[in-house]
Amino acid sequence: MNLLNILLQAPAGQAGGGASMWIMLLLMIVIFYVFMIRPQSKKAKEERKFRDGLQKGDKVVTAGGIHGKVFEVKESTIVIEVANNVNITVEKNFIQPSPETVAANQKK
């Protein structure tokens, strides 16, 4: 037998399988949204809200791990006091709340 005869004799695919494929694809998209995309966008929104609400005296941590208090808030940067009369300027995007602030907010 040659290959063409074997292919012609192969059974045809089942009819109606397309609908279940679309349902599974839709279900996978919903699962990705619920477990991956939604929590990530919610976290980004909370971080943006934190950065917009920074005030002088708030305790923060930079992305590099430097702890300090907010000394001055500018449009896109923040001046942090890390020791007496030692100030550094950091981009707002690299600021996180300090662990003490996070713990205090979780107790509320």
N, C-alpha and C. Protein backbone atom coordinates (compact mmCIF):
# COMPACT_ATOMS: atom_id res chain seq x y z
N MET A 1 0.84 -1.19 0.00
CA MET A 1 0.00 0.00 0.00
C MET A 1 0.87 1.24 0.00
N ASN A 2 0.45 2.19 -0.72
CA ASN A 2 1.23 3.42 -0.69
C ASN A 2 0.62 4.40 0.32
N LEU A 3 1.31 5.47 0.58
CA LEU A 3 0.93 6.45 1.61
C LEU A 3 -0.41 7.11 1.29
N LEU A 4 -0.70 7.36 0.02
CA LEU A 4 -1.95 8.01 -0.36
C LEU A 4 -3.15 7.14 0.00
N ASN A 5 -3.06 5.86 -0.20
CA ASN A 5 -4.18 4.96 0.15
C ASN A 5 -4.39 4.92 1.65
N ILE A 6 -3.30 4.96 2.42
CA ILE A 6 -3.42 4.94 3.88
C ILE A 6 -4.10 6.21 4.38
N LEU A 7 -3.72 7.35 3.82
CA LEU A 7 -4.33 8.61 4.24
C LEU A 7 -5.80 8.70 3.84
N LEU A 8 -6.14 8.16 2.69
CA LEU A 8 -7.53 8.19 2.25
C LEU A 8 -8.41 7.26 3.08
N GLN A 9 -7.85 6.22 3.65
CA GLN A 9 -8.62 5.27 4.43
C GLN A 9 -8.72 5.67 5.90
N ALA A 10 -7.99 6.73 6.32
CA ALA A 10 -8.02 7.15 7.72
C ALA A 10 -9.41 7.68 8.06
N PRO A 11 -9.89 7.39 9.28
CA PRO A 11 -11.23 7.87 9.65
C PRO A 11 -11.27 9.40 9.73
N ALA A 12 -12.41 9.95 9.39
CA ALA A 12 -12.60 11.40 9.44
C ALA A 12 -12.74 11.84 10.89
N GLY A 13 -12.42 13.11 11.16
CA GLY A 13 -12.52 13.65 12.52
C GLY A 13 -13.97 13.71 12.96
N GLN A 14 -14.17 13.77 14.26
CA GLN A 14 -15.53 13.80 14.79
C GLN A 14 -16.17 15.15 14.52
N ALA A 15 -17.42 15.14 14.20
CA ALA A 15 -18.15 16.37 13.96
C ALA A 15 -18.58 16.96 15.31
N GLY A 16 -18.64 18.28 15.38
CA GLY A 16 -19.10 18.92 16.62
C GLY A 16 -18.00 19.16 17.63
N GLY A 17 -16.77 18.82 17.32
CA GLY A 17 -15.67 19.02 18.25
C GLY A 17 -15.22 20.47 18.33
N GLY A 18 -15.63 21.28 17.38
CA GLY A 18 -15.22 22.68 17.36
C GLY A 18 -15.81 23.49 18.49
N ALA A 19 -17.04 23.21 18.86
CA ALA A 19 -17.69 23.96 19.92
C ALA A 19 -17.01 23.72 21.27
N SER A 20 -16.65 22.49 21.55
CA SER A 20 -15.99 22.20 22.83
C SER A 20 -14.60 22.83 22.88
N MET A 21 -13.95 22.93 21.71
CA MET A 21 -12.64 23.58 21.66
C MET A 21 -12.77 25.06 22.02
N TRP A 22 -13.78 25.74 21.49
CA TRP A 22 -13.98 27.15 21.79
C TRP A 22 -14.34 27.38 23.25
N ILE A 23 -15.13 26.47 23.81
CA ILE A 23 -15.48 26.58 25.23
C ILE A 23 -14.24 26.43 26.10
N MET A 24 -13.38 25.48 25.77
CA MET A 24 -12.14 25.28 26.54
C MET A 24 -11.21 26.49 26.40
N LEU A 25 -11.12 27.05 25.21
CA LEU A 25 -10.28 28.23 24.99
C LEU A 25 -10.80 29.42 25.79
N LEU A 26 -12.10 29.62 25.78
CA LEU A 26 -12.70 30.69 26.55
C LEU A 26 -12.49 30.48 28.04
N LEU A 27 -12.61 29.25 28.49
CA LEU A 27 -12.39 28.93 29.90
C LEU A 27 -10.94 29.21 30.31
N MET A 28 -10.00 28.89 29.44
CA MET A 28 -8.59 29.16 29.74
C MET A 28 -8.33 30.66 29.83
N ILE A 29 -8.94 31.44 28.96
CA ILE A 29 -8.77 32.90 29.01
C ILE A 29 -9.33 33.46 30.30
N VAL A 30 -10.49 32.99 30.72
CA VAL A 30 -11.09 33.44 31.97
C VAL A 30 -10.19 33.08 33.15
N ILE A 31 -9.64 31.89 33.17
CA ILE A 31 -8.76 31.47 34.25
C ILE A 31 -7.51 32.34 34.30
N PHE A 32 -6.89 32.62 33.15
CA PHE A 32 -5.72 33.50 33.11
C PHE A 32 -6.07 34.88 33.66
N TYR A 33 -7.23 35.40 33.28
CA TYR A 33 -7.63 36.73 33.75
C TYR A 33 -7.81 36.74 35.26
N VAL A 34 -8.53 35.76 35.79
CA VAL A 34 -8.84 35.74 37.21
C VAL A 34 -7.60 35.52 38.07
N PHE A 35 -6.72 34.63 37.65
CA PHE A 35 -5.58 34.27 38.50
C PHE A 35 -4.29 35.03 38.19
N MET A 36 -4.18 35.68 37.05
CA MET A 36 -2.91 36.34 36.72
C MET A 36 -3.07 37.83 36.42
N ILE A 37 -3.92 38.19 35.52
CA ILE A 37 -4.00 39.57 35.06
C ILE A 37 -4.67 40.47 36.10
N ARG A 38 -5.79 40.06 36.64
CA ARG A 38 -6.54 40.88 37.59
C ARG A 38 -5.73 41.18 38.86
N PRO A 39 -5.12 40.19 39.53
CA PRO A 39 -4.33 40.52 40.73
C PRO A 39 -3.14 41.43 40.43
N GLN A 40 -2.52 41.24 39.27
CA GLN A 40 -1.37 42.07 38.93
C GLN A 40 -1.79 43.52 38.70
N SER A 41 -2.90 43.75 38.02
CA SER A 41 -3.35 45.12 37.79
C SER A 41 -3.84 45.75 39.09
N LYS A 42 -4.43 44.95 39.98
CA LYS A 42 -4.87 45.46 41.28
C LYS A 42 -3.66 45.90 42.12
N LYS A 43 -2.60 45.12 42.09
CA LYS A 43 -1.38 45.47 42.83
C LYS A 43 -0.75 46.74 42.26
N ALA A 44 -0.72 46.87 40.95
CA ALA A 44 -0.16 48.07 40.31
C ALA A 44 -0.97 49.31 40.68
N LYS A 45 -2.27 49.16 40.76
CA LYS A 45 -3.14 50.27 41.15
C LYS A 45 -2.88 50.69 42.59
N GLU A 46 -2.70 49.73 43.49
CA GLU A 46 -2.40 50.04 44.89
C GLU A 46 -1.05 50.74 45.03
N GLU A 47 -0.04 50.29 44.26
CA GLU A 47 1.28 50.92 44.31
C GLU A 47 1.20 52.36 43.80
N ARG A 48 0.45 52.59 42.73
CA ARG A 48 0.29 53.93 42.20
C ARG A 48 -0.40 54.84 43.23
N LYS A 49 -1.41 54.30 43.90
CA LYS A 49 -2.12 55.06 44.93
C LYS A 49 -1.18 55.40 46.09
N PHE A 50 -0.33 54.46 46.48
CA PHE A 50 0.64 54.71 47.55
C PHE A 50 1.60 55.82 47.17
N ARG A 51 2.14 55.76 45.95
CA ARG A 51 3.12 56.75 45.51
C ARG A 51 2.51 58.14 45.38
N ASP A 52 1.25 58.20 44.95
CA ASP A 52 0.58 59.50 44.83
C ASP A 52 0.25 60.09 46.20
N GLY A 53 0.10 59.25 47.21
CA GLY A 53 -0.27 59.71 48.54
C GLY A 53 0.90 59.92 49.49
N LEU A 54 2.12 59.87 48.99
CA LEU A 54 3.28 60.06 49.87
C LEU A 54 3.32 61.47 50.44
N GLN A 55 3.68 61.54 51.71
CA GLN A 55 3.78 62.82 52.39
C GLN A 55 5.08 62.88 53.17
N LYS A 56 5.46 64.07 53.56
CA LYS A 56 6.67 64.26 54.34
C LYS A 56 6.55 63.49 55.66
N GLY A 57 7.61 62.74 55.99
CA GLY A 57 7.64 61.98 57.23
C GLY A 57 7.28 60.50 57.08
N ASP A 58 6.74 60.10 55.92
CA ASP A 58 6.40 58.69 55.70
C ASP A 58 7.68 57.87 55.61
N LYS A 59 7.65 56.67 56.21
CA LYS A 59 8.79 55.76 56.12
C LYS A 59 8.68 54.95 54.83
N VAL A 60 9.77 54.89 54.08
CA VAL A 60 9.78 54.19 52.79
C VAL A 60 11.06 53.39 52.64
N VAL A 61 11.05 52.51 51.64
CA VAL A 61 12.21 51.71 51.27
C VAL A 61 12.39 51.86 49.76
N THR A 62 13.62 52.08 49.32
CA THR A 62 13.88 52.15 47.88
C THR A 62 13.98 50.74 47.32
N ALA A 63 13.97 50.64 46.01
CA ALA A 63 14.11 49.33 45.36
C ALA A 63 15.47 48.71 45.67
N GLY A 64 16.46 49.54 45.99
CA GLY A 64 17.79 49.04 46.35
C GLY A 64 17.91 48.63 47.80
N GLY A 65 16.85 48.86 48.59
CA GLY A 65 16.85 48.43 49.99
C GLY A 65 17.25 49.51 50.98
N ILE A 66 17.31 50.77 50.56
CA ILE A 66 17.66 51.86 51.46
C ILE A 66 16.42 52.32 52.20
N HIS A 67 16.47 52.33 53.53
CA HIS A 67 15.36 52.76 54.36
C HIS A 67 15.52 54.24 54.71
N GLY A 68 14.42 54.96 54.77
CA GLY A 68 14.48 56.36 55.15
C GLY A 68 13.10 56.96 55.28
N LYS A 69 13.08 58.26 55.59
CA LYS A 69 11.84 59.01 55.71
C LYS A 69 11.76 60.01 54.56
N VAL A 70 10.54 60.24 54.10
CA VAL A 70 10.33 61.20 53.02
C VAL A 70 10.61 62.60 53.57
N PHE A 71 11.52 63.30 52.90
CA PHE A 71 11.89 64.65 53.31
C PHE A 71 11.17 65.67 52.45
N GLU A 72 11.04 65.37 51.14
CA GLU A 72 10.38 66.29 50.22
C GLU A 72 9.81 65.49 49.05
N VAL A 73 8.62 65.85 48.61
CA VAL A 73 7.97 65.19 47.48
C VAL A 73 7.94 66.15 46.30
N LYS A 74 8.51 65.73 45.19
CA LYS A 74 8.48 66.52 43.96
C LYS A 74 7.59 65.81 42.95
N GLU A 75 7.55 66.32 41.74
CA GLU A 75 6.63 65.75 40.75
C GLU A 75 6.95 64.30 40.40
N SER A 76 8.20 64.00 40.06
CA SER A 76 8.55 62.63 39.68
C SER A 76 9.63 62.03 40.57
N THR A 77 10.15 62.82 41.51
CA THR A 77 11.18 62.33 42.42
C THR A 77 10.80 62.59 43.87
N ILE A 78 11.51 61.93 44.74
CA ILE A 78 11.30 62.09 46.19
C ILE A 78 12.67 62.24 46.83
N VAL A 79 12.78 63.18 47.76
CA VAL A 79 14.00 63.33 48.54
C VAL A 79 13.80 62.58 49.84
N ILE A 80 14.70 61.62 50.11
CA ILE A 80 14.60 60.78 51.30
C ILE A 80 15.74 61.10 52.25
N GLU A 81 15.40 61.23 53.52
CA GLU A 81 16.41 61.43 54.55
C GLU A 81 16.79 60.07 55.11
N VAL A 82 18.04 59.65 54.88
CA VAL A 82 18.48 58.33 55.32
C VAL A 82 19.25 58.40 56.64
N ALA A 83 19.75 59.57 56.99
CA ALA A 83 20.43 59.82 58.27
C ALA A 83 20.33 61.31 58.53
N ASN A 84 20.82 61.76 59.68
CA ASN A 84 20.77 63.19 59.97
C ASN A 84 21.56 63.96 58.92
N ASN A 85 20.89 64.89 58.26
CA ASN A 85 21.48 65.74 57.23
C ASN A 85 22.05 64.96 56.05
N VAL A 86 21.55 63.77 55.78
CA VAL A 86 21.95 62.98 54.62
C VAL A 86 20.68 62.68 53.82
N ASN A 87 20.57 63.35 52.68
CA ASN A 87 19.38 63.20 51.83
C ASN A 87 19.78 62.64 50.48
N ILE A 88 18.90 61.79 49.93
CA ILE A 88 19.11 61.27 48.58
C ILE A 88 17.84 61.50 47.78
N THR A 89 18.00 61.66 46.48
CA THR A 89 16.87 61.85 45.58
C THR A 89 16.64 60.55 44.82
N VAL A 90 15.38 60.10 44.81
CA VAL A 90 15.03 58.82 44.19
C VAL A 90 13.78 59.02 43.34
N GLU A 91 13.71 58.31 42.22
CA GLU A 91 12.51 58.32 41.39
C GLU A 91 11.34 57.71 42.17
N LYS A 92 10.14 58.23 41.96
CA LYS A 92 8.96 57.72 42.66
C LYS A 92 8.69 56.25 42.35
N ASN A 93 9.02 55.81 41.13
CA ASN A 93 8.73 54.44 40.72
C ASN A 93 9.54 53.41 41.51
N PHE A 94 10.60 53.84 42.19
CA PHE A 94 11.45 52.91 42.92
C PHE A 94 11.23 52.98 44.43
N ILE A 95 10.08 53.46 44.84
CA ILE A 95 9.75 53.60 46.26
C ILE A 95 8.69 52.57 46.63
N GLN A 96 8.88 51.95 47.80
CA GLN A 96 7.92 51.00 48.36
C GLN A 96 7.65 51.38 49.80
N PRO A 97 6.51 50.99 50.35
CA PRO A 97 6.28 51.27 51.77
C PRO A 97 7.21 50.43 52.63
N SER A 98 7.58 50.98 53.78
CA SER A 98 8.46 50.23 54.68
C SER A 98 7.69 49.07 55.30
N PRO A 99 8.39 48.04 55.78
CA PRO A 99 7.71 46.90 56.41
C PRO A 99 6.87 47.30 57.62
N GLU A 100 7.30 48.32 58.38
CA GLU A 100 6.51 48.76 59.54
C GLU A 100 5.18 49.35 59.08
N THR A 101 5.21 50.11 57.99
CA THR A 101 3.99 50.71 57.46
C THR A 101 3.04 49.62 56.96
N VAL A 102 3.57 48.63 56.29
CA VAL A 102 2.74 47.55 55.78
C VAL A 102 2.10 46.78 56.92
N ALA A 103 2.87 46.49 57.97
CA ALA A 103 2.35 45.76 59.13
C ALA A 103 1.28 46.56 59.84
N ALA A 104 1.48 47.88 59.97
CA ALA A 104 0.49 48.72 60.62
C ALA A 104 -0.80 48.79 59.82
N ASN A 105 -0.69 48.82 58.50
CA ASN A 105 -1.89 48.86 57.65
C ASN A 105 -2.65 47.54 57.66
N GLN A 106 -1.95 46.42 57.84
CA GLN A 106 -2.62 45.12 57.88
C GLN A 106 -3.38 44.91 59.19
N LYS A 107 -2.94 45.54 60.26
CA LYS A 107 -3.62 45.39 61.56
C LYS A 107 -4.93 46.14 61.59
N LYS A 108 -5.08 47.18 60.75
CA LYS A 108 -6.29 48.00 60.76
C LYS A 108 -7.47 47.28 60.22
